[in-house]
C-alpha atoms as a PDB file:
ATOM      1  CA  MET A   1      -0.198  -0.085   0.142  1.00  0.00           C
ATOM      2  CA  ALA A   2       1.313   3.290  -0.910  1.00  0.00           C
ATOM      3  CA  THR A   3       0.328   4.737   2.254  1.00  0.00           C
ATOM      4  CA  ASP A   4       1.878   2.171   4.755  1.00  0.00           C
ATOM      5  CA  HIS A   5       4.230   5.159   6.606  1.00  0.00           C
ATOM      6  CA  TYR A   6       1.510   7.627   6.592  1.00  0.00           C
ATOM      7  CA  THR A   7      -0.087   8.530  10.430  1.00  0.00           C
ATOM      8  CA  TYR A   8      -3.397   6.906  11.313  1.00  0.00           C
ATOM      9  CA  ARG A   9      -5.861   7.260  14.398  1.00  0.00           C
ATOM     10  CA  VAL A  10      -9.335   6.185  15.574  1.00  0.00           C
ATOM     11  CA  ILE A  11     -11.072   8.410  18.073  1.00  0.00           C
ATOM     12  CA  TRP A  12     -14.873   8.007  19.227  1.00  0.00           C
ATOM     13  CA  SER A  13     -17.369  10.120  17.824  1.00  0.00           C
ATOM     14  CA  LEU A  14     -20.045  10.779  20.948  1.00  0.00           C
ATOM     15  CA  GLU A  15     -21.988  12.784  18.047  1.00  0.00           C
ATOM     16  CA  ASP A  16     -21.722  10.194  15.730  1.00  0.00           C
ATOM     17  CA  GLY A  17     -21.828   7.079  18.294  1.00  0.00           C
ATOM     18  CA  GLU A  18     -19.493   4.931  15.750  1.00  0.00           C
ATOM     19  CA  HIS A  19     -15.440   5.007  15.956  1.00  0.00           C
ATOM     20  CA  VAL A  20     -13.383   7.506  13.248  1.00  0.00           C
ATOM     21  CA  GLY A  21     -10.362   6.886  11.243  1.00  0.00           C
ATOM     22  CA  LEU A  22      -8.006   9.976  10.644  1.00  0.00           C
ATOM     23  CA  CYS A  23      -5.089  10.252   8.040  1.00  0.00           C
ATOM     24  CA  SER A  24      -2.624  12.967   9.424  1.00  0.00           C
ATOM     25  CA  GLU A  25      -1.474  13.850   6.176  1.00  0.00           C
ATOM     26  CA  PHE A  26      -5.390  13.880   4.578  1.00  0.00           C
ATOM     27  CA  PRO A  27      -6.834  16.118   7.308  1.00  0.00           C
ATOM     28  CA  LEU A  28     -10.055  16.200   5.830  1.00  0.00           C
ATOM     29  CA  LEU A  29     -10.671  12.485   5.202  1.00  0.00           C
ATOM     30  CA  SER A  30     -11.990  10.328   7.694  1.00  0.00           C
ATOM     31  CA  TRP A  31     -14.122   7.135   8.128  1.00  0.00           C
ATOM     32  CA  LEU A  32     -16.853   6.103  10.278  1.00  0.00           C
ATOM     33  CA  ALA A  33     -16.909   2.531  11.382  1.00  0.00           C
ATOM     34  CA  SER A  34     -18.571   0.352  14.335  1.00  0.00           C
ATOM     35  CA  THR A  35     -15.385  -1.029  15.541  1.00  0.00           C
ATOM     36  CA  THR A  36     -11.833   0.435  15.237  1.00  0.00           C
ATOM     37  CA  ASP A  37     -10.403  -2.252  13.466  1.00  0.00           C
ATOM     38  CA  GLU A  38     -12.828  -1.328  10.944  1.00  0.00           C
ATOM     39  CA  ALA A  39     -12.074   2.401  10.862  1.00  0.00           C
ATOM     40  CA  LEU A  40      -8.876   1.887  11.023  1.00  0.00           C
ATOM     41  CA  ALA A  41      -9.004  -0.361   7.636  1.00  0.00           C
ATOM     42  CA  GLY A  42     -11.456   1.955   6.165  1.00  0.00           C
ATOM     43  CA  ILE A  43      -9.296   5.298   6.476  1.00  0.00           C
ATOM     44  CA  ARG A  44      -6.300   3.154   5.331  1.00  0.00           C
ATOM     45  CA  ARG A  45      -8.045   2.229   1.949  1.00  0.00           C
ATOM     46  CA  LEU A  46      -9.559   5.733   1.582  1.00  0.00           C
ATOM     47  CA  ALA A  47      -5.851   7.283   1.911  1.00  0.00           C
ATOM     48  CA  ASN A  48      -4.415   4.761  -0.957  1.00  0.00           C
ATOM     49  CA  ASP A  49      -7.342   5.413  -3.035  1.00  0.00           C
ATOM     50  CA  VAL A  50      -6.687   9.279  -2.896  1.00  0.00           C
ATOM     51  CA  VAL A  51      -3.072   8.342  -3.677  1.00  0.00           C
ATOM     52  CA  ILE A  52      -4.039   6.663  -6.509  1.00  0.00           C
ATOM     53  CA  ASP A  53      -6.019   9.263  -7.949  1.00  0.00           C
ATOM     54  CA  MET A  54      -3.429  12.147  -7.116  1.00  0.00           C
ATOM     55  CA  GLU A  55      -0.377   9.938  -8.902  1.00  0.00           C
ATOM     56  CA  GLU A  56      -2.891   9.040 -12.117  1.00  0.00           C
ATOM     57  CA  LEU A  57      -3.586  13.226 -12.379  1.00  0.00           C
ATOM     58  CA  GLY A  58       0.081  13.731 -12.131  1.00  0.00           C
ATOM     59  CA  ASP A  59      -0.313  14.990  -8.655  1.00  0.00           C
ATOM     60  CA  ARG A  60       2.367  14.709  -5.755  1.00  0.00           C
ATOM     61  CA  PRO A  61       0.806  12.955  -2.829  1.00  0.00           C
ATOM     62  CA  PRO A  62       2.000  14.554   0.835  1.00  0.00           C
ATOM     63  CA  PRO A  63       4.915  13.096   2.140  1.00  0.00           C
ATOM     64  CA  SER A  64       4.483  11.022   5.455  1.00  0.00           C
ATOM     65  CA  SER A  65       4.545  13.217   8.246  1.00  0.00           C
ATOM     66  CA  SER A  66       6.426  11.029  10.764  1.00  0.00           C
ATOM     67  CA  HIS A  67       8.812  10.657   7.786  1.00  0.00           C
ATOM     68  CA  HIS A  68      13.075  11.476   9.097  1.00  0.00           C
ATOM     69  CA  ALA A  69      15.562  12.556   6.663  1.00  0.00           C
END
């Protein structure tokens, strides 16, 4: 997966009553799911799909926020 080095987290949304998967490199993306595992898997797939779309359009995906030179 092109986004293996991205930073992910899962939080609980009291408002939605579900877990929310988030990706630091794409702060506008999120994925709602009933379990933490599903939320993490969903946001990882979504981020990967966005990176693939960006690359197909000739855009450069953001670097990993945890990348160290």
